[in-house]
Structure formats: C-alpha cells, structure tokens
Amino acid sequence: MWQEQLFYLVAAHALTDYALQSDFMSNRKRPFMSRHTQHDEYGPWWWWMGAHSLINGLGVALILGWTFGVAETFVHGMLDVSKCQGKLTTKQDQALHLLSKGLWLLLAQ
C-alpha cells in the first residue's frame, strides 16, 4: 500500500510543481523580484507563492488527507522561498520536496 501512495505522491509532485506551474506563476512567486519586473496589477509575490503552495498541498491532501496537505502547503512554500532567495539550489529544493513526501508518508502509516 505505501508503495502505491509513494508513487501517487511523486506523480502529484511532478504534476503540481512542473506541469501546473506556468512561467507566469513561476516569475511572479519570487519574493525579491526587482520593482521593474514586478507587475503590481497581478498582485504581490506572496499571492502567487501561496497559490502555488496550495496547489502542491492539494496534491498531498488528495492522497494522504487534509492535515498532510496543510503541512505540505507550508513546507513547500518555505522551500520555494528559500530557493528564490538563493539559499537552495534547484536540485536541493527538489530533493527536499521529495523527502518531505517521504516524511508525510511515514507519518501517515
């Protein structure tokens, strides 16, 4: 059973972190974009980061339940903010995203 859930979690991550994240969203979720490239009519960066994080949390919630979805929303957002600040590389960010899925799965058992 856990192998099936792990597959779904990783597949949901691929869907929510890649396929469902447009370049438009990716560019606007960055907290430290210059004012020149930040388009105010599209809202502040944290709206976009929040929406992206919620989409990722929804993927986890559909597989493991809402409490893990809420945890994923928070952790995903914190990891992506750290990546945008240059504190994590893309590879580190993705590794930590996948490790968090493993942690949720362990805690759910």
N, C-alpha and C. Protein backbone atom coordinates (compact mmCIF):
# COMPACT_ATOMS: atom_id res chain seq x y z
N MET A 1 0.82 -1.21 0.00
CA MET A 1 0.00 0.00 0.00
C MET A 1 0.86 1.27 0.00
N TRP A 2 1.91 1.31 0.81
CA TRP A 2 2.72 2.52 0.88
C TRP A 2 3.44 2.80 -0.44
N GLN A 3 3.76 1.74 -1.18
CA GLN A 3 4.43 1.94 -2.47
C GLN A 3 3.50 2.66 -3.45
N GLU A 4 2.24 2.30 -3.42
CA GLU A 4 1.25 2.94 -4.27
C GLU A 4 1.10 4.41 -3.88
N GLN A 5 1.02 4.68 -2.59
CA GLN A 5 0.90 6.07 -2.13
C GLN A 5 2.14 6.87 -2.49
N LEU A 6 3.32 6.27 -2.37
CA LEU A 6 4.56 6.96 -2.74
C LEU A 6 4.54 7.31 -4.22
N PHE A 7 4.12 6.37 -5.03
CA PHE A 7 4.01 6.65 -6.47
C PHE A 7 3.08 7.83 -6.72
N TYR A 8 1.91 7.83 -6.09
CA TYR A 8 0.95 8.92 -6.28
C TYR A 8 1.51 10.26 -5.78
N LEU A 9 2.23 10.24 -4.66
CA LEU A 9 2.81 11.47 -4.13
C LEU A 9 3.86 12.04 -5.09
N VAL A 10 4.72 11.19 -5.62
CA VAL A 10 5.76 11.66 -6.54
C VAL A 10 5.13 12.12 -7.85
N ALA A 11 4.13 11.38 -8.34
CA ALA A 11 3.45 11.79 -9.57
C ALA A 11 2.70 13.10 -9.37
N ALA A 12 2.05 13.26 -8.22
CA ALA A 12 1.35 14.51 -7.92
C ALA A 12 2.34 15.67 -7.85
N HIS A 13 3.52 15.41 -7.30
CA HIS A 13 4.55 16.46 -7.24
C HIS A 13 4.98 16.87 -8.65
N ALA A 14 5.20 15.90 -9.51
CA ALA A 14 5.59 16.21 -10.90
C ALA A 14 4.50 17.05 -11.58
N LEU A 15 3.26 16.69 -11.33
CA LEU A 15 2.14 17.42 -11.92
C LEU A 15 2.03 18.84 -11.36
N THR A 16 2.06 18.96 -10.04
CA THR A 16 1.81 20.26 -9.42
C THR A 16 3.02 21.20 -9.46
N ASP A 17 4.23 20.65 -9.41
CA ASP A 17 5.41 21.52 -9.36
C ASP A 17 5.96 21.83 -10.75
N TYR A 18 5.55 21.07 -11.74
CA TYR A 18 6.04 21.30 -13.10
C TYR A 18 4.90 21.62 -14.06
N ALA A 19 4.04 20.65 -14.33
CA ALA A 19 3.01 20.83 -15.36
C ALA A 19 2.02 21.95 -15.03
N LEU A 20 1.63 22.08 -13.77
CA LEU A 20 0.64 23.09 -13.39
C LEU A 20 1.25 24.42 -12.98
N GLN A 21 2.57 24.55 -13.03
CA GLN A 21 3.21 25.82 -12.70
C GLN A 21 3.68 26.47 -14.00
N SER A 22 2.96 27.48 -14.41
CA SER A 22 3.32 28.18 -15.64
C SER A 22 4.53 29.09 -15.40
N ASP A 23 5.14 29.54 -16.49
CA ASP A 23 6.22 30.52 -16.36
C ASP A 23 5.70 31.80 -15.73
N PHE A 24 4.46 32.15 -16.05
CA PHE A 24 3.82 33.33 -15.48
C PHE A 24 3.82 33.24 -13.95
N MET A 25 3.38 32.09 -13.42
CA MET A 25 3.34 31.90 -11.97
C MET A 25 4.75 31.84 -11.40
N SER A 26 5.62 31.11 -12.06
CA SER A 26 6.99 30.96 -11.57
C SER A 26 7.68 32.31 -11.42
N ASN A 27 7.47 33.18 -12.38
CA ASN A 27 8.11 34.50 -12.32
C ASN A 27 7.51 35.41 -11.27
N ARG A 28 6.23 35.27 -10.98
CA ARG A 28 5.57 36.17 -10.05
C ARG A 28 5.61 35.71 -8.60
N LYS A 29 6.02 34.47 -8.34
CA LYS A 29 6.08 33.98 -6.96
C LYS A 29 7.40 34.31 -6.29
N ARG A 30 8.29 34.96 -6.99
CA ARG A 30 9.61 35.28 -6.43
C ARG A 30 9.53 36.50 -5.52
N PRO A 31 9.93 36.33 -4.26
CA PRO A 31 9.76 37.44 -3.31
C PRO A 31 10.67 38.64 -3.54
N PHE A 32 11.76 38.47 -4.25
CA PHE A 32 12.70 39.59 -4.37
C PHE A 32 12.94 40.00 -5.81
N MET A 33 11.86 39.96 -6.60
CA MET A 33 11.98 40.49 -7.96
C MET A 33 12.16 42.00 -7.89
N SER A 34 12.85 42.53 -8.87
CA SER A 34 13.01 43.99 -8.88
C SER A 34 11.66 44.63 -9.19
N ARG A 35 11.48 45.85 -8.73
CA ARG A 35 10.23 46.57 -8.98
C ARG A 35 9.98 46.71 -10.49
N HIS A 36 11.05 46.79 -11.25
CA HIS A 36 10.92 46.96 -12.69
C HIS A 36 10.21 45.76 -13.34
N THR A 37 10.46 44.55 -12.83
CA THR A 37 9.87 43.36 -13.45
C THR A 37 8.63 42.87 -12.71
N GLN A 38 8.35 43.42 -11.51
CA GLN A 38 7.15 43.02 -10.76
C GLN A 38 5.95 43.81 -11.28
N HIS A 39 4.94 43.10 -11.73
CA HIS A 39 3.75 43.77 -12.27
C HIS A 39 2.69 43.83 -11.18
N ASP A 40 2.48 45.02 -10.61
CA ASP A 40 1.57 45.20 -9.50
C ASP A 40 0.14 44.79 -9.82
N GLU A 41 -0.27 44.93 -11.07
CA GLU A 41 -1.65 44.57 -11.42
C GLU A 41 -1.91 43.07 -11.28
N TYR A 42 -0.87 42.27 -11.14
CA TYR A 42 -1.03 40.83 -10.97
C TYR A 42 -0.96 40.41 -9.50
N GLY A 43 -0.80 41.35 -8.61
CA GLY A 43 -0.79 41.05 -7.19
C GLY A 43 0.61 40.82 -6.65
N PRO A 44 0.74 40.82 -5.32
CA PRO A 44 2.06 40.64 -4.70
C PRO A 44 2.56 39.21 -4.86
N TRP A 45 3.87 39.07 -4.71
CA TRP A 45 4.51 37.76 -4.90
C TRP A 45 3.89 36.70 -4.02
N TRP A 46 3.49 37.04 -2.79
CA TRP A 46 3.01 36.02 -1.85
C TRP A 46 1.67 35.45 -2.24
N TRP A 47 0.88 36.15 -3.06
CA TRP A 47 -0.35 35.56 -3.60
C TRP A 47 0.02 34.39 -4.49
N TRP A 48 1.03 34.61 -5.33
CA TRP A 48 1.45 33.59 -6.29
C TRP A 48 2.14 32.43 -5.59
N MET A 49 2.98 32.75 -4.61
CA MET A 49 3.64 31.68 -3.85
C MET A 49 2.59 30.89 -3.07
N GLY A 50 1.64 31.58 -2.49
CA GLY A 50 0.57 30.90 -1.76
C GLY A 50 -0.26 30.00 -2.65
N ALA A 51 -0.61 30.49 -3.84
CA ALA A 51 -1.40 29.68 -4.77
C ALA A 51 -0.62 28.45 -5.20
N HIS A 52 0.64 28.63 -5.53
CA HIS A 52 1.48 27.50 -5.94
C HIS A 52 1.61 26.48 -4.81
N SER A 53 1.83 26.97 -3.61
CA SER A 53 1.97 26.08 -2.45
C SER A 53 0.67 25.33 -2.16
N LEU A 54 -0.46 26.02 -2.29
CA LEU A 54 -1.76 25.37 -2.09
C LEU A 54 -2.03 24.29 -3.13
N ILE A 55 -1.63 24.54 -4.36
CA ILE A 55 -1.80 23.52 -5.40
C ILE A 55 -1.00 22.27 -5.04
N ASN A 56 0.23 22.47 -4.57
CA ASN A 56 1.05 21.33 -4.14
C ASN A 56 0.45 20.65 -2.92
N GLY A 57 -0.06 21.44 -1.98
CA GLY A 57 -0.71 20.87 -0.80
C GLY A 57 -1.94 20.07 -1.16
N LEU A 58 -2.69 20.53 -2.15
CA LEU A 58 -3.87 19.80 -2.59
C LEU A 58 -3.50 18.41 -3.11
N GLY A 59 -2.39 18.34 -3.85
CA GLY A 59 -1.95 17.03 -4.35
C GLY A 59 -1.71 16.05 -3.22
N VAL A 60 -1.06 16.51 -2.16
CA VAL A 60 -0.80 15.64 -1.00
C VAL A 60 -2.09 15.35 -0.26
N ALA A 61 -2.95 16.35 -0.10
CA ALA A 61 -4.22 16.15 0.62
C ALA A 61 -5.09 15.10 -0.04
N LEU A 62 -5.12 15.08 -1.34
CA LEU A 62 -5.95 14.10 -2.05
C LEU A 62 -5.46 12.67 -1.84
N ILE A 63 -4.19 12.52 -1.49
CA ILE A 63 -3.60 11.19 -1.31
C ILE A 63 -3.55 10.79 0.16
N LEU A 64 -3.17 11.72 1.04
CA LEU A 64 -2.95 11.37 2.45
C LEU A 64 -3.90 12.04 3.43
N GLY A 65 -4.70 12.99 2.97
CA GLY A 65 -5.61 13.68 3.86
C GLY A 65 -5.23 15.14 4.06
N TRP A 66 -6.19 15.90 4.58
CA TRP A 66 -6.02 17.34 4.63
C TRP A 66 -4.92 17.81 5.58
N THR A 67 -4.68 17.10 6.68
CA THR A 67 -3.63 17.56 7.61
C THR A 67 -2.26 17.52 6.95
N PHE A 68 -2.01 16.48 6.17
CA PHE A 68 -0.74 16.41 5.45
C PHE A 68 -0.71 17.42 4.31
N GLY A 69 -1.86 17.71 3.75
CA GLY A 69 -1.94 18.74 2.72
C GLY A 69 -1.59 20.11 3.26
N VAL A 70 -2.06 20.41 4.46
CA VAL A 70 -1.73 21.69 5.10
C VAL A 70 -0.23 21.75 5.39
N ALA A 71 0.32 20.67 5.92
CA ALA A 71 1.76 20.62 6.21
C ALA A 71 2.56 20.81 4.92
N GLU A 72 2.14 20.14 3.85
CA GLU A 72 2.83 20.27 2.57
C GLU A 72 2.75 21.69 2.04
N THR A 73 1.61 22.33 2.18
CA THR A 73 1.46 23.71 1.71
C THR A 73 2.49 24.61 2.39
N PHE A 74 2.61 24.48 3.71
CA PHE A 74 3.57 25.31 4.46
C PHE A 74 5.01 24.99 4.08
N VAL A 75 5.37 23.70 4.10
CA VAL A 75 6.75 23.31 3.82
C VAL A 75 7.13 23.63 2.38
N HIS A 76 6.22 23.38 1.45
CA HIS A 76 6.53 23.66 0.05
C HIS A 76 6.82 25.15 -0.15
N GLY A 77 5.99 25.98 0.47
CA GLY A 77 6.20 27.42 0.35
C GLY A 77 7.52 27.87 0.95
N MET A 78 7.87 27.33 2.12
CA MET A 78 9.12 27.72 2.76
C MET A 78 10.33 27.29 1.91
N LEU A 79 10.26 26.09 1.34
CA LEU A 79 11.35 25.62 0.49
C LEU A 79 11.48 26.48 -0.77
N ASP A 80 10.36 26.83 -1.38
CA ASP A 80 10.43 27.63 -2.59
C ASP A 80 10.90 29.05 -2.31
N VAL A 81 10.51 29.62 -1.19
CA VAL A 81 11.03 30.94 -0.82
C VAL A 81 12.55 30.85 -0.63
N SER A 82 13.02 29.81 0.03
CA SER A 82 14.46 29.64 0.23
C SER A 82 15.18 29.50 -1.11
N LYS A 83 14.58 28.78 -2.05
CA LYS A 83 15.18 28.65 -3.38
C LYS A 83 15.22 30.00 -4.07
N CYS A 84 14.14 30.75 -4.01
CA CYS A 84 14.09 32.07 -4.64
C CYS A 84 15.10 33.04 -4.03
N GLN A 85 15.41 32.85 -2.75
CA GLN A 85 16.39 33.71 -2.07
C GLN A 85 17.82 33.27 -2.34
N GLY A 86 17.99 32.16 -3.06
CA GLY A 86 19.33 31.66 -3.36
C GLY A 86 19.93 30.82 -2.26
N LYS A 87 19.14 30.45 -1.27
CA LYS A 87 19.63 29.63 -0.16
C LYS A 87 19.66 28.15 -0.52
N LEU A 88 18.89 27.77 -1.53
CA LEU A 88 18.87 26.38 -2.02
C LEU A 88 19.02 26.40 -3.53
N THR A 89 19.70 25.38 -4.05
CA THR A 89 19.74 25.20 -5.50
C THR A 89 18.45 24.50 -5.92
N THR A 90 18.19 24.46 -7.20
CA THR A 90 17.01 23.75 -7.69
C THR A 90 17.08 22.27 -7.33
N LYS A 91 18.26 21.68 -7.44
CA LYS A 91 18.40 20.25 -7.08
C LYS A 91 18.12 20.03 -5.60
N GLN A 92 18.63 20.90 -4.75
CA GLN A 92 18.37 20.78 -3.30
C GLN A 92 16.89 20.96 -3.00
N ASP A 93 16.29 21.94 -3.65
CA ASP A 93 14.86 22.21 -3.48
C ASP A 93 14.04 20.98 -3.85
N GLN A 94 14.32 20.39 -4.99
CA GLN A 94 13.57 19.23 -5.43
C GLN A 94 13.82 18.02 -4.53
N ALA A 95 15.05 17.83 -4.09
CA ALA A 95 15.35 16.72 -3.18
C ALA A 95 14.57 16.88 -1.88
N LEU A 96 14.51 18.09 -1.35
CA LEU A 96 13.78 18.33 -0.10
C LEU A 96 12.27 18.18 -0.30
N HIS A 97 11.77 18.57 -1.46
CA HIS A 97 10.35 18.34 -1.75
C HIS A 97 10.03 16.84 -1.72
N LEU A 98 10.88 16.05 -2.35
CA LEU A 98 10.64 14.60 -2.38
C LEU A 98 10.83 13.98 -1.00
N LEU A 99 11.81 14.46 -0.25
CA LEU A 99 11.99 13.96 1.12
C LEU A 99 10.78 14.29 1.99
N SER A 100 10.19 15.46 1.78
CA SER A 100 9.00 15.81 2.56
C SER A 100 7.85 14.86 2.24
N LYS A 101 7.74 14.46 0.97
CA LYS A 101 6.70 13.48 0.62
C LYS A 101 6.92 12.16 1.37
N GLY A 102 8.18 11.75 1.45
CA GLY A 102 8.51 10.53 2.21
C GLY A 102 8.18 10.68 3.68
N LEU A 103 8.45 11.85 4.24
CA LEU A 103 8.13 12.10 5.65
C LEU A 103 6.62 12.03 5.88
N TRP A 104 5.84 12.67 5.01
CA TRP A 104 4.38 12.61 5.17
C TRP A 104 3.90 11.16 5.12
N LEU A 105 4.48 10.40 4.21
CA LEU A 105 4.07 9.01 4.06
C LEU A 105 4.41 8.21 5.32
N LEU A 106 5.60 8.42 5.88
CA LEU A 106 5.98 7.73 7.13
C LEU A 106 5.04 8.11 8.27
N LEU A 107 4.74 9.38 8.38
CA LEU A 107 3.87 9.85 9.45
C LEU A 107 2.43 9.37 9.29
N ALA A 108 2.03 9.12 8.05
CA ALA A 108 0.67 8.69 7.77
C ALA A 108 0.44 7.19 8.08
N GLN A 109 1.52 6.44 8.20
CA GLN A 109 1.39 4.98 8.41
C GLN A 109 1.03 4.64 9.84
